[in-house]
Amino acid sequence: MNDLDFVQAAETSLNHLPDMSELAAFRLTRRNLGLGHEALGEFHLRLEFVDLAQLTSAVDRDATRADSVEAFHHAFCSLITNVSLALPLGFTSRLYL
């Protein structure tokens, strides 16, 4: 897999979500200089949603598999191998003493 093709497919697939208010932001980073554990993978894609309702809306839209959605989704997801997923939740900054 060509790394530039992967990045282009990710950006193409995800750039239409902010226009639809279903994604607050996304960030694609890459492990450099051999630093980082191999189990973490080479690329790290972080999707940021305002709340769980926004996440649910994005997932529901993708689940329709409409032609306009499926073309973006397949072009990107077909390039992904050995994926690890996580769903971290925001941590409140309020301290309770």
PDB file of N, CA and C in Angstrom:
ATOM      1  N   MET A   1       0.845  -1.172   0.000  1.00  0.00           N
ATOM      2  CA  MET A   1       0.000   0.000   0.000  1.00  0.00           C
ATOM      3  C   MET A   1       0.894   1.240   0.000  1.00  0.00           C
ATOM      4  N   ASN A   2       0.575   2.158  -0.845  1.00  0.00           N
ATOM      5  CA  ASN A   2       1.292   3.414  -0.919  1.00  0.00           C
ATOM      6  C   ASN A   2       0.781   4.340   0.190  1.00  0.00           C
ATOM      7  N   ASP A   3       1.698   4.902   0.979  1.00  0.00           N
ATOM      8  CA  ASP A   3       1.289   5.743   2.105  1.00  0.00           C
ATOM      9  C   ASP A   3       0.546   6.994   1.652  1.00  0.00           C
ATOM     10  N   LEU A   4       0.945   7.577   0.538  1.00  0.00           N
ATOM     11  CA  LEU A   4       0.264   8.775   0.049  1.00  0.00           C
ATOM     12  C   LEU A   4      -1.155   8.466  -0.415  1.00  0.00           C
ATOM     13  N   ASP A   5      -1.350   7.276  -1.010  1.00  0.00           N
ATOM     14  CA  ASP A   5      -2.695   6.858  -1.403  1.00  0.00           C
ATOM     15  C   ASP A   5      -3.576   6.668  -0.169  1.00  0.00           C
ATOM     16  N   PHE A   6      -3.011   6.098   0.883  1.00  0.00           N
ATOM     17  CA  PHE A   6      -3.755   5.896   2.119  1.00  0.00           C
ATOM     18  C   PHE A   6      -4.200   7.232   2.715  1.00  0.00           C
ATOM     19  N   VAL A   7      -3.296   8.184   2.798  1.00  0.00           N
ATOM     20  CA  VAL A   7      -3.613   9.496   3.365  1.00  0.00           C
ATOM     21  C   VAL A   7      -4.661  10.201   2.508  1.00  0.00           C
ATOM     22  N   GLN A   8      -4.511  10.144   1.197  1.00  0.00           N
ATOM     23  CA  GLN A   8      -5.489  10.786   0.303  1.00  0.00           C
ATOM     24  C   GLN A   8      -6.866  10.154   0.459  1.00  0.00           C
ATOM     25  N   ALA A   9      -6.926   8.834   0.548  1.00  0.00           N
ATOM     26  CA  ALA A   9      -8.213   8.151   0.720  1.00  0.00           C
ATOM     27  C   ALA A   9      -8.852   8.508   2.058  1.00  0.00           C
ATOM     28  N   ALA A  10      -8.051   8.614   3.112  1.00  0.00           N
ATOM     29  CA  ALA A  10      -8.570   8.992   4.432  1.00  0.00           C
ATOM     30  C   ALA A  10      -9.144  10.400   4.380  1.00  0.00           C
ATOM     31  N   GLU A  11      -8.407  11.327   3.801  1.00  0.00           N
ATOM     32  CA  GLU A  11      -8.872  12.709   3.730  1.00  0.00           C
ATOM     33  C   GLU A  11     -10.127  12.836   2.867  1.00  0.00           C
ATOM     34  N   THR A  12     -10.166  12.139   1.757  1.00  0.00           N
ATOM     35  CA  THR A  12     -11.342  12.184   0.884  1.00  0.00           C
ATOM     36  C   THR A  12     -12.558  11.620   1.597  1.00  0.00           C
ATOM     37  N   SER A  13     -12.365  10.507   2.292  1.00  0.00           N
ATOM     38  CA  SER A  13     -13.471   9.851   2.988  1.00  0.00           C
ATOM     39  C   SER A  13     -13.991  10.685   4.148  1.00  0.00           C
ATOM     40  N   LEU A  14     -13.113  11.339   4.878  1.00  0.00           N
ATOM     41  CA  LEU A  14     -13.514  12.048   6.094  1.00  0.00           C
ATOM     42  C   LEU A  14     -13.824  13.521   5.888  1.00  0.00           C
ATOM     43  N   ASN A  15     -13.342  14.119   4.827  1.00  0.00           N
ATOM     44  CA  ASN A  15     -13.565  15.556   4.622  1.00  0.00           C
ATOM     45  C   ASN A  15     -15.027  15.904   4.386  1.00  0.00           C
ATOM     46  N   HIS A  16     -15.838  14.960   3.939  1.00  0.00           N
ATOM     47  CA  HIS A  16     -17.246  15.290   3.722  1.00  0.00           C
ATOM     48  C   HIS A  16     -18.058  15.256   5.022  1.00  0.00           C
ATOM     49  N   LEU A  17     -17.549  14.634   6.081  1.00  0.00           N
ATOM     50  CA  LEU A  17     -18.295  14.579   7.341  1.00  0.00           C
ATOM     51  C   LEU A  17     -18.420  15.933   8.038  1.00  0.00           C
ATOM     52  N   PRO A  18     -17.363  16.745   8.158  1.00  0.00           N
ATOM     53  CA  PRO A  18     -17.539  18.041   8.828  1.00  0.00           C
ATOM     54  C   PRO A  18     -18.578  18.919   8.132  1.00  0.00           C
ATOM     55  N   ASP A  19     -18.695  18.803   6.814  1.00  0.00           N
ATOM     56  CA  ASP A  19     -19.700  19.574   6.090  1.00  0.00           C
ATOM     57  C   ASP A  19     -21.110  19.172   6.504  1.00  0.00           C
ATOM     58  N   MET A  20     -21.260  17.964   6.963  1.00  0.00           N
ATOM     59  CA  MET A  20     -22.570  17.467   7.355  1.00  0.00           C
ATOM     60  C   MET A  20     -22.766  17.559   8.870  1.00  0.00           C
ATOM     61  N   SER A  21     -21.867  18.223   9.551  1.00  0.00           N
ATOM     62  CA  SER A  21     -21.930  18.405  11.015  1.00  0.00           C
ATOM     63  C   SER A  21     -21.940  17.077  11.762  1.00  0.00           C
ATOM     64  N   GLU A  22     -21.286  16.077  11.213  1.00  0.00           N
ATOM     65  CA  GLU A  22     -21.246  14.771  11.868  1.00  0.00           C
ATOM     66  C   GLU A  22     -19.876  14.456  12.452  1.00  0.00           C
ATOM     67  N   LEU A  23     -18.930  15.344  12.292  1.00  0.00           N
ATOM     68  CA  LEU A  23     -17.591  15.131  12.801  1.00  0.00           C
ATOM     69  C   LEU A  23     -17.011  16.485  13.176  1.00  0.00           C
ATOM     70  N   ALA A  24     -16.575  16.626  14.411  1.00  0.00           N
ATOM     71  CA  ALA A  24     -16.007  17.898  14.841  1.00  0.00           C
ATOM     72  C   ALA A  24     -14.638  18.113  14.203  1.00  0.00           C
ATOM     73  N   ALA A  25     -13.816  17.057  14.179  1.00  0.00           N
ATOM     74  CA  ALA A  25     -12.472  17.155  13.605  1.00  0.00           C
ATOM     75  C   ALA A  25     -11.893  15.749  13.443  1.00  0.00           C
ATOM     76  N   PHE A  26     -10.875  15.657  12.619  1.00  0.00           N
ATOM     77  CA  PHE A  26     -10.115  14.407  12.539  1.00  0.00           C
ATOM     78  C   PHE A  26      -8.650  14.749  12.366  1.00  0.00           C
ATOM     79  N   ARG A  27      -7.821  13.822  12.783  1.00  0.00           N
ATOM     80  CA  ARG A  27      -6.377  14.016  12.688  1.00  0.00           C
ATOM     81  C   ARG A  27      -5.743  12.673  12.341  1.00  0.00           C
ATOM     82  N   LEU A  28      -4.912  12.672  11.326  1.00  0.00           N
ATOM     83  CA  LEU A  28      -4.191  11.477  10.913  1.00  0.00           C
ATOM     84  C   LEU A  28      -2.711  11.724  11.161  1.00  0.00           C
ATOM     85  N   THR A  29      -2.118  10.908  12.004  1.00  0.00           N
ATOM     86  CA  THR A  29      -0.692  11.032  12.296  1.00  0.00           C
ATOM     87  C   THR A  29      -0.006   9.721  11.950  1.00  0.00           C
ATOM     88  N   ARG A  30       1.325   9.791  11.865  1.00  0.00           N
ATOM     89  CA  ARG A  30       2.106   8.614  11.484  1.00  0.00           C
ATOM     90  C   ARG A  30       3.288   8.462  12.425  1.00  0.00           C
ATOM     91  N   ARG A  31       3.568   7.226  12.777  1.00  0.00           N
ATOM     92  CA  ARG A  31       4.735   6.932  13.613  1.00  0.00           C
ATOM     93  C   ARG A  31       5.982   7.242  12.796  1.00  0.00           C
ATOM     94  N   ASN A  32       6.900   7.980  13.377  1.00  0.00           N
ATOM     95  CA  ASN A  32       8.115   8.384  12.664  1.00  0.00           C
ATOM     96  C   ASN A  32       9.372   7.884  13.345  1.00  0.00           C
ATOM     97  N   LEU A  33      10.423   7.761  12.575  1.00  0.00           N
ATOM     98  CA  LEU A  33      11.758   7.409  13.058  1.00  0.00           C
ATOM     99  C   LEU A  33      11.783   6.088  13.815  1.00  0.00           C
ATOM    100  N   GLY A  34      10.812   5.237  13.550  1.00  0.00           N
ATOM    101  CA  GLY A  34      10.755   3.944  14.237  1.00  0.00           C
ATOM    102  C   GLY A  34      10.390   4.057  15.702  1.00  0.00           C
ATOM    103  N   LEU A  35       9.945   5.236  16.121  1.00  0.00           N
ATOM    104  CA  LEU A  35       9.581   5.424  17.525  1.00  0.00           C
ATOM    105  C   LEU A  35       8.142   4.997  17.745  1.00  0.00           C
ATOM    106  N   GLY A  36       7.909   4.346  18.832  1.00  0.00           N
ATOM    107  CA  GLY A  36       6.581   3.840  19.163  1.00  0.00           C
ATOM    108  C   GLY A  36       6.535   2.337  19.003  1.00  0.00           C
ATOM    109  N   HIS A  37       5.717   1.724  19.789  1.00  0.00           N
ATOM    110  CA  HIS A  37       5.590   0.269  19.769  1.00  0.00           C
ATOM    111  C   HIS A  37       4.905  -0.175  18.485  1.00  0.00           C
ATOM    112  N   GLU A  38       5.388  -1.258  17.904  1.00  0.00           N
ATOM    113  CA  GLU A  38       4.823  -1.763  16.652  1.00  0.00           C
ATOM    114  C   GLU A  38       3.351  -2.116  16.784  1.00  0.00           C
ATOM    115  N   ALA A  39       2.917  -2.529  17.955  1.00  0.00           N
ATOM    116  CA  ALA A  39       1.518  -2.899  18.159  1.00  0.00           C
ATOM    117  C   ALA A  39       0.583  -1.709  17.978  1.00  0.00           C
ATOM    118  N   LEU A  40       1.126  -0.500  18.080  1.00  0.00           N
ATOM    119  CA  LEU A  40       0.305   0.685  17.890  1.00  0.00           C
ATOM    120  C   LEU A  40       0.052   0.981  16.416  1.00  0.00           C
ATOM    121  N   GLY A  41       0.771   0.325  15.539  1.00  0.00           N
ATOM    122  CA  GLY A  41       0.580   0.536  14.113  1.00  0.00           C
ATOM    123  C   GLY A  41       1.341   1.730  13.586  1.00  0.00           C
ATOM    124  N   GLU A  42       1.319   1.884  12.284  1.00  0.00           N
ATOM    125  CA  GLU A  42       2.066   2.971  11.657  1.00  0.00           C
ATOM    126  C   GLU A  42       1.282   4.276  11.664  1.00  0.00           C
ATOM    127  N   PHE A  43      -0.024   4.195  11.411  1.00  0.00           N
ATOM    128  CA  PHE A  43      -0.861   5.381  11.366  1.00  0.00           C
ATOM    129  C   PHE A  43      -1.801   5.415  12.564  1.00  0.00           C
ATOM    130  N   HIS A  44      -2.160   6.610  12.965  1.00  0.00           N
ATOM    131  CA  HIS A  44      -3.125   6.803  14.044  1.00  0.00           C
ATOM    132  C   HIS A  44      -4.161   7.804  13.539  1.00  0.00           C
ATOM    133  N   LEU A  45      -5.409   7.364  13.479  1.00  0.00           N
ATOM    134  CA  LEU A  45      -6.501   8.212  13.026  1.00  0.00           C
ATOM    135  C   LEU A  45      -7.389   8.523  14.218  1.00  0.00           C
ATOM    136  N   ARG A  46      -7.530   9.799  14.512  1.00  0.00           N
ATOM    137  CA  ARG A  46      -8.356  10.229  15.641  1.00  0.00           C
ATOM    138  C   ARG A  46      -9.559  10.982  15.094  1.00  0.00           C
ATOM    139  N   LEU A  47     -10.739  10.494  15.414  1.00  0.00           N
ATOM    140  CA  LEU A  47     -11.985  11.155  15.036  1.00  0.00           C
ATOM    141  C   LEU A  47     -12.548  11.816  16.281  1.00  0.00           C
ATOM    142  N   GLU A  48     -12.923  13.073  16.165  1.00  0.00           N
ATOM    143  CA  GLU A  48     -13.441  13.798  17.316  1.00  0.00           C
ATOM    144  C   GLU A  48     -14.892  14.206  17.063  1.00  0.00           C
ATOM    145  N   PHE A  49     -15.739  13.849  18.010  1.00  0.00           N
ATOM    146  CA  PHE A  49     -17.154  14.173  17.952  1.00  0.00           C
ATOM    147  C   PHE A  49     -17.506  15.032  19.156  1.00  0.00           C
ATOM    148  N   VAL A  50     -18.476  15.907  18.987  1.00  0.00           N
ATOM    149  CA  VAL A  50     -18.899  16.776  20.072  1.00  0.00           C
ATOM    150  C   VAL A  50     -19.530  15.956  21.190  1.00  0.00           C
ATOM    151  N   ASP A  51     -20.334  14.963  20.804  1.00  0.00           N
ATOM    152  CA  ASP A  51     -21.002  14.120  21.787  1.00  0.00           C
ATOM    153  C   ASP A  51     -21.363  12.783  21.136  1.00  0.00           C
ATOM    154  N   LEU A  52     -21.942  11.896  21.915  1.00  0.00           N
ATOM    155  CA  LEU A  52     -22.307  10.580  21.393  1.00  0.00           C
ATOM    156  C   LEU A  52     -23.412  10.667  20.350  1.00  0.00           C
ATOM    157  N   ALA A  53     -24.267  11.667  20.428  1.00  0.00           N
ATOM    158  CA  ALA A  53     -25.317  11.845  19.426  1.00  0.00           C
ATOM    159  C   ALA A  53     -24.707  12.138  18.054  1.00  0.00           C
ATOM    160  N   GLN A  54     -23.652  12.934  18.028  1.00  0.00           N
ATOM    161  CA  GLN A  54     -22.968  13.243  16.765  1.00  0.00           C
ATOM    162  C   GLN A  54     -22.294  11.989  16.211  1.00  0.00           C
ATOM    163  N   LEU A  55     -21.679  11.200  17.074  1.00  0.00           N
ATOM    164  CA  LEU A  55     -21.071   9.932  16.657  1.00  0.00           C
ATOM    165  C   LEU A  55     -22.134   8.998  16.091  1.00  0.00           C
ATOM    166  N   THR A  56     -23.253   8.885  16.783  1.00  0.00           N
ATOM    167  CA  THR A  56     -24.350   8.021  16.337  1.00  0.00           C
ATOM    168  C   THR A  56     -24.865   8.459  14.975  1.00  0.00           C
ATOM    169  N   SER A  57     -24.984   9.757  14.759  1.00  0.00           N
ATOM    170  CA  SER A  57     -25.440  10.282  13.477  1.00  0.00           C
ATOM    171  C   SER A  57     -24.494   9.884  12.349  1.00  0.00           C
ATOM    172  N   ALA A  58     -23.194   9.994  12.583  1.00  0.00           N
ATOM    173  CA  ALA A  58     -22.205   9.619  11.567  1.00  0.00           C
ATOM    174  C   ALA A  58     -22.255   8.128  11.271  1.00  0.00           C
ATOM    175  N   VAL A  59     -22.368   7.314  12.307  1.00  0.00           N
ATOM    176  CA  VAL A  59     -22.434   5.860  12.123  1.00  0.00           C
ATOM    177  C   VAL A  59     -23.722   5.487  11.386  1.00  0.00           C
ATOM    178  N   ASP A  60     -24.840   6.099  11.761  1.00  0.00           N
ATOM    179  CA  ASP A  60     -26.118   5.816  11.097  1.00  0.00           C
ATOM    180  C   ASP A  60     -26.067   6.173   9.621  1.00  0.00           C
ATOM    181  N   ARG A  61     -25.413   7.299   9.296  1.00  0.00           N
ATOM    182  CA  ARG A  61     -25.307   7.703   7.891  1.00  0.00           C
ATOM    183  C   ARG A  61     -24.469   6.708   7.108  1.00  0.00           C
ATOM    184  N   ASP A  62     -23.342   6.289   7.681  1.00  0.00           N
ATOM    185  CA  ASP A  62     -22.492   5.309   7.004  1.00  0.00           C
ATOM    186  C   ASP A  62     -23.185   3.963   6.864  1.00  0.00           C
ATOM    187  N   ALA A  63     -24.003   3.612   7.823  1.00  0.00           N
ATOM    188  CA  ALA A  63     -24.688   2.314   7.807  1.00  0.00           C
ATOM    189  C   ALA A  63     -25.727   2.216   6.691  1.00  0.00           C
ATOM    190  N   THR A  64     -26.156   3.352   6.138  1.00  0.00           N
ATOM    191  CA  THR A  64     -27.138   3.313   5.051  1.00  0.00           C
ATOM    192  C   THR A  64     -26.547   2.684   3.800  1.00  0.00           C
ATOM    193  N   ARG A  65     -25.219   2.779   3.668  1.00  0.00           N
ATOM    194  CA  ARG A  65     -24.503   2.268   2.500  1.00  0.00           C
ATOM    195  C   ARG A  65     -25.015   2.865   1.193  1.00  0.00           C
ATOM    196  N   ALA A  66     -25.510   4.098   1.282  1.00  0.00           N
ATOM    197  CA  ALA A  66     -25.939   4.809   0.077  1.00  0.00           C
ATOM    198  C   ALA A  66     -24.741   4.949  -0.857  1.00  0.00           C
ATOM    199  N   ASP A  67     -25.017   5.022  -2.148  1.00  0.00           N
ATOM    200  CA  ASP A  67     -23.928   5.081  -3.137  1.00  0.00           C
ATOM    201  C   ASP A  67     -22.929   6.190  -2.838  1.00  0.00           C
ATOM    202  N   SER A  68     -23.416   7.368  -2.461  1.00  0.00           N
ATOM    203  CA  SER A  68     -22.516   8.491  -2.201  1.00  0.00           C
ATOM    204  C   SER A  68     -21.621   8.238  -0.996  1.00  0.00           C
ATOM    205  N   VAL A  69     -22.111   7.469  -0.042  1.00  0.00           N
ATOM    206  CA  VAL A  69     -21.348   7.142   1.162  1.00  0.00           C
ATOM    207  C   VAL A  69     -20.425   5.956   0.913  1.00  0.00           C
ATOM    208  N   GLU A  70     -20.951   4.943   0.258  1.00  0.00           N
ATOM    209  CA  GLU A  70     -20.207   3.698   0.070  1.00  0.00           C
ATOM    210  C   GLU A  70     -18.936   3.886  -0.750  1.00  0.00           C
ATOM    211  N   ALA A  71     -18.962   4.747  -1.738  1.00  0.00           N
ATOM    212  CA  ALA A  71     -17.772   4.972  -2.567  1.00  0.00           C
ATOM    213  C   ALA A  71     -16.616   5.496  -1.730  1.00  0.00           C
ATOM    214  N   PHE A  72     -16.881   6.511  -0.875  1.00  0.00           N
ATOM    215  CA  PHE A  72     -15.842   7.050   0.009  1.00  0.00           C
ATOM    216  C   PHE A  72     -15.388   5.986   1.007  1.00  0.00           C
ATOM    217  N   HIS A  73     -16.365   5.329   1.619  1.00  0.00           N
ATOM    218  CA  HIS A  73     -16.093   4.361   2.681  1.00  0.00           C
ATOM    219  C   HIS A  73     -15.233   3.204   2.165  1.00  0.00           C
ATOM    220  N   HIS A  74     -15.605   2.642   1.030  1.00  0.00           N
ATOM    221  CA  HIS A  74     -14.867   1.496   0.485  1.00  0.00           C
ATOM    222  C   HIS A  74     -13.459   1.889   0.047  1.00  0.00           C
ATOM    223  N   ALA A  75     -13.320   3.042  -0.587  1.00  0.00           N
ATOM    224  CA  ALA A  75     -12.002   3.474  -1.065  1.00  0.00           C
ATOM    225  C   ALA A  75     -11.010   3.598   0.087  1.00  0.00           C
ATOM    226  N   PHE A  76     -11.490   4.017   1.240  1.00  0.00           N
ATOM    227  CA  PHE A  76     -10.610   4.173   2.403  1.00  0.00           C
ATOM    228  C   PHE A  76     -10.458   2.858   3.170  1.00  0.00           C
ATOM    229  N   CYS A  77     -11.563   2.239   3.511  1.00  0.00           N
ATOM    230  CA  CYS A  77     -11.512   1.050   4.375  1.00  0.00           C
ATOM    231  C   CYS A  77     -10.845  -0.146   3.706  1.00  0.00           C
ATOM    232  N   SER A  78     -10.870  -0.203   2.385  1.00  0.00           N
ATOM    233  CA  SER A  78     -10.219  -1.319   1.701  1.00  0.00           C
ATOM    234  C   SER A  78      -8.693  -1.260   1.835  1.00  0.00           C
ATOM    235  N   LEU A  79      -8.164  -0.112   2.241  1.00  0.00           N
ATOM    236  CA  LEU A  79      -6.719   0.045   2.422  1.00  0.00           C
ATOM    237  C   LEU A  79      -6.250  -0.279   3.840  1.00  0.00           C
ATOM    238  N   ILE A  80      -7.186  -0.512   4.744  1.00  0.00           N
ATOM    239  CA  ILE A  80      -6.839  -0.710   6.156  1.00  0.00           C
ATOM    240  C   ILE A  80      -6.613  -2.186   6.441  1.00  0.00           C
ATOM    241  N   THR A  81      -5.494  -2.486   7.098  1.00  0.00           N
ATOM    242  CA  THR A  81      -5.201  -3.844   7.556  1.00  0.00           C
ATOM    243  C   THR A  81      -4.700  -3.759   8.992  1.00  0.00           C
ATOM    244  N   ASN A  82      -4.845  -4.848   9.718  1.00  0.00           N
ATOM    245  CA  ASN A  82      -4.336  -4.932  11.094  1.00  0.00           C
ATOM    246  C   ASN A  82      -4.778  -3.741  11.939  1.00  0.00           C
ATOM    247  N   VAL A  83      -6.064  -3.525  12.017  1.00  0.00           N
ATOM    248  CA  VAL A  83      -6.607  -2.363  12.714  1.00  0.00           C
ATOM    249  C   VAL A  83      -6.845  -2.662  14.199  1.00  0.00           C
ATOM    250  N   SER A  84      -6.629  -1.664  15.019  1.00  0.00           N
ATOM    251  CA  SER A  84      -6.988  -1.700  16.433  1.00  0.00           C
ATOM    252  C   SER A  84      -7.879  -0.499  16.685  1.00  0.00           C
ATOM    253  N   LEU A  85      -8.958  -0.694  17.416  1.00  0.00           N
ATOM    254  CA  LEU A  85      -9.909   0.377  17.663  1.00  0.00           C
ATOM    255  C   LEU A  85     -10.011   0.678  19.145  1.00  0.00           C
ATOM    256  N   ALA A  86     -10.351   1.923  19.452  1.00  0.00           N
ATOM    257  CA  ALA A  86     -10.580   2.335  20.832  1.00  0.00           C
ATOM    258  C   ALA A  86     -11.659   3.401  20.829  1.00  0.00           C
ATOM    259  N   LEU A  87     -12.382   3.493  21.925  1.00  0.00           N
ATOM    260  CA  LEU A  87     -13.387   4.535  22.090  1.00  0.00           C
ATOM    261  C   LEU A  87     -13.151   5.224  23.419  1.00  0.00           C
ATOM    262  N   PRO A  88     -12.160   6.118  23.442  1.00  0.00           N
ATOM    263  CA  PRO A  88     -11.912   6.849  24.695  1.00  0.00           C
ATOM    264  C   PRO A  88     -12.985   7.910  24.891  1.00  0.00           C
ATOM    265  N   LEU A  89     -13.395   8.072  26.110  1.00  0.00           N
ATOM    266  CA  LEU A  89     -14.386   9.091  26.447  1.00  0.00           C
ATOM    267  C   LEU A  89     -13.698  10.243  27.137  1.00  0.00           C
ATOM    268  N   GLY A  90     -14.230  11.428  26.959  1.00  0.00           N
ATOM    269  CA  GLY A  90     -13.652  12.617  27.579  1.00  0.00           C
ATOM    270  C   GLY A  90     -13.644  12.496  29.094  1.00  0.00           C
ATOM    271  N   PHE A  91     -12.654  13.091  29.682  1.00  0.00           N
ATOM    272  CA  PHE A  91     -12.514  13.065  31.136  1.00  0.00           C
ATOM    273  C   PHE A  91     -12.752  14.467  31.657  1.00  0.00           C
ATOM    274  N   THR A  92     -13.617  14.582  32.618  1.00  0.00           N
ATOM    275  CA  THR A  92     -13.950  15.897  33.157  1.00  0.00           C
ATOM    276  C   THR A  92     -12.759  16.489  33.901  1.00  0.00           C
ATOM    277  N   SER A  93     -12.625  17.800  33.806  1.00  0.00           N
ATOM    278  CA  SER A  93     -11.516  18.441  34.492  1.00  0.00           C
ATOM    279  C   SER A  93     -11.894  18.860  35.921  1.00  0.00           C
ATOM    280  N   ARG A  94     -13.143  18.662  36.281  1.00  0.00           N
ATOM    281  CA  ARG A  94     -13.568  18.999  37.645  1.00  0.00           C
ATOM    282  C   ARG A  94     -13.039  17.964  38.625  1.00  0.00           C
ATOM    283  N   LEU A  95     -12.518  18.456  39.675  1.00  0.00           N
ATOM    284  CA  LEU A  95     -12.018  17.569  40.735  1.00  0.00           C
ATOM    285  C   LEU A  95     -12.984  17.612  41.904  1.00  0.00           C
ATOM    286  N   TYR A  96     -13.296  16.456  42.393  1.00  0.00           N
ATOM    287  CA  TYR A  96     -14.180  16.374  43.553  1.00  0.00           C
ATOM    288  C   TYR A  96     -13.338  15.998  44.757  1.00  0.00           C
ATOM    289  N   LEU A  97     -13.334  16.829  45.766  1.00  0.00           N
ATOM    290  CA  LEU A  97     -12.561  16.578  46.978  1.00  0.00           C
ATOM    291  C   LEU A  97     -13.466  16.190  48.099  1.00  0.00           C
TER     292      LEU A  97
END
